[in-house]
């Protein structure tokens, strides 16, 4: 079992930045690929970014490419999502997830955090 806790969400103006963190406990963090997903009101949960177990590979949704950066620190059991040039359409609850395989599909991820709200005002 892996427990995931997100933090770092909040209210920011358009063009601003936030850094989300997700800290894991339980099984060995470095065994898992990690992903970030988001869900806006009335919409399905969508993929944002993913990172392989060792951080050597990353993958982004087209909507955030060039603005968001995913990274991880296995010594701290933490994955990060640096979000720059934020837009109102980035407003959503952001979830981190852990799974054995790296990718953009939700079923790949077995463990999920409770989410953190990001609100971008125009």
Protein backbone atom coordinates (compact mmCIF):
# COMPACT_ATOMS: atom_id res chain seq x y z
CA UNK A 1 0.00 0.00 0.00
CA UNK A 2 1.16 3.53 -0.82
CA UNK A 3 -0.30 6.64 0.76
CA UNK A 4 0.00 9.88 -1.21
CA UNK A 5 -0.53 13.39 0.15
CA UNK A 6 -0.56 16.43 -2.13
CA UNK A 7 0.17 19.98 -1.05
CA UNK A 8 0.94 23.36 -2.56
CA UNK A 9 -2.35 24.23 -4.18
CA UNK A 10 -3.95 27.63 -3.84
CA UNK A 11 -5.21 30.74 -5.58
CA UNK A 12 -2.97 32.48 -8.10
CA UNK A 13 -3.43 35.09 -10.79
CA UNK A 14 -3.13 34.21 -14.45
CA UNK A 15 0.53 34.19 -15.48
CA UNK A 16 1.65 33.18 -12.01
CA UNK A 17 3.31 30.04 -10.74
CA UNK A 18 2.70 27.30 -8.20
CA UNK A 19 4.63 24.21 -7.19
CA UNK A 20 2.69 21.16 -6.12
CA UNK A 21 4.26 18.45 -4.00
CA UNK A 22 3.16 14.88 -3.41
CA UNK A 23 4.78 12.92 -0.61
CA UNK A 24 4.49 9.16 -0.43
CA UNK A 25 4.62 6.76 2.47
CA UNK A 26 4.29 3.02 2.67
CA UNK A 27 6.00 0.91 0.05
CA UNK A 28 9.23 1.90 -1.66
CA UNK A 29 8.56 5.12 -3.54
CA UNK A 30 11.31 4.53 -6.10
CA UNK A 31 9.54 1.38 -7.29
CA UNK A 32 6.74 3.44 -8.81
CA UNK A 33 6.16 5.67 -11.76
CA UNK A 34 4.30 8.82 -10.76
CA UNK A 35 1.69 10.89 -12.49
CA UNK A 36 -0.27 14.08 -12.03
CA UNK A 37 -3.88 14.34 -13.13
CA UNK A 38 -6.48 17.06 -12.76
CA UNK A 39 -10.23 17.35 -12.67
CA UNK A 40 -12.19 20.52 -13.31
CA UNK A 41 -15.82 20.87 -12.21
CA UNK A 42 -18.11 18.92 -14.50
CA UNK A 43 -15.23 17.38 -16.43
CA UNK A 44 -13.47 14.03 -16.45
CA UNK A 45 -10.16 13.58 -14.71
CA UNK A 46 -7.40 14.17 -17.24
CA UNK A 47 -3.73 13.40 -17.51
CA UNK A 48 -1.24 16.22 -16.88
CA UNK A 49 2.26 14.74 -16.55
CA UNK A 50 4.12 11.55 -15.71
CA UNK A 51 7.62 10.58 -14.66
CA UNK A 52 9.38 7.24 -14.67
CA UNK A 53 10.60 5.58 -11.47
CA UNK A 54 14.09 6.99 -11.81
CA UNK A 55 13.15 10.36 -13.27
CA UNK A 56 14.85 9.65 -16.59
CA UNK A 57 11.66 9.93 -18.64
CA UNK A 58 8.84 12.46 -18.50
CA UNK A 59 5.66 12.92 -20.50
CA UNK A 60 3.23 15.83 -20.67
CA UNK A 61 -0.22 16.58 -21.93
CA UNK A 62 -0.11 18.97 -24.88
CA UNK A 63 -2.08 21.53 -22.89
CA UNK A 64 0.71 21.96 -20.32
CA UNK A 65 3.82 21.22 -22.36
CA UNK A 66 6.38 23.99 -22.00
CA UNK A 67 4.64 25.44 -18.93
CA UNK A 68 4.66 22.57 -16.38
CA UNK A 69 7.60 20.48 -15.20
CA UNK A 70 7.37 17.21 -13.32
CA UNK A 71 10.28 16.02 -11.20
CA UNK A 72 10.94 13.67 -8.32
CA UNK A 73 13.28 13.25 -5.38
CA UNK A 74 13.37 9.60 -4.40
CA UNK A 75 15.39 10.36 -1.28
CA UNK A 76 12.47 12.50 -0.06
CA UNK A 77 9.72 10.24 -1.40
CA UNK A 78 8.31 13.26 -3.19
CA UNK A 79 7.18 14.16 -6.69
CA UNK A 80 6.73 17.77 -7.76
CA UNK A 81 4.77 19.64 -10.38
CA UNK A 82 6.13 23.09 -11.15
CA UNK A 83 3.42 25.08 -12.90
CA UNK A 84 4.35 28.32 -14.66
CA UNK A 85 2.39 30.72 -16.87
CA UNK A 86 -0.83 29.51 -15.31
CA UNK A 87 -4.10 30.07 -17.15
CA UNK A 88 -7.68 30.15 -15.85
CA UNK A 89 -8.29 26.88 -17.68
CA UNK A 90 -5.71 25.22 -15.42
CA UNK A 91 -8.17 25.59 -12.54
CA UNK A 92 -8.90 22.12 -11.17
CA UNK A 93 -8.28 19.69 -8.36
CA UNK A 94 -4.86 18.17 -8.95
CA UNK A 95 -4.17 14.57 -8.01
CA UNK A 96 -0.94 12.63 -7.84
CA UNK A 97 -0.90 8.92 -8.54
CA UNK A 98 1.53 6.03 -8.31
CA UNK A 99 1.72 2.94 -10.45
CA UNK A 100 4.06 0.26 -11.73
CA UNK A 101 4.05 1.56 -15.28
CA UNK A 102 4.72 5.02 -16.66
CA UNK A 103 2.12 6.53 -18.97
CA UNK A 104 -0.90 8.79 -19.41
CA UNK A 105 -3.70 6.31 -18.85
CA UNK A 106 -5.55 6.44 -15.53
CA UNK A 107 -5.82 2.63 -15.13
CA UNK A 108 -2.02 2.43 -15.04
CA UNK A 109 -2.05 4.05 -11.62
CA UNK A 110 -2.99 2.02 -8.58
CA UNK A 111 -2.68 4.58 -5.79
CA UNK A 112 -4.14 8.09 -5.67
CA UNK A 113 -3.90 11.08 -3.38
CA UNK A 114 -6.84 13.10 -2.13
CA UNK A 115 -6.15 16.06 -4.37
CA UNK A 116 -5.27 19.72 -3.94
CA UNK A 117 -7.23 22.64 -5.37
CA UNK A 118 -5.58 25.02 -7.83
CA UNK A 119 -7.53 28.12 -8.79
CA UNK A 120 -6.25 30.56 -11.40
CA UNK A 121 -8.00 33.91 -11.56
CA UNK A 122 -8.14 36.00 -14.71
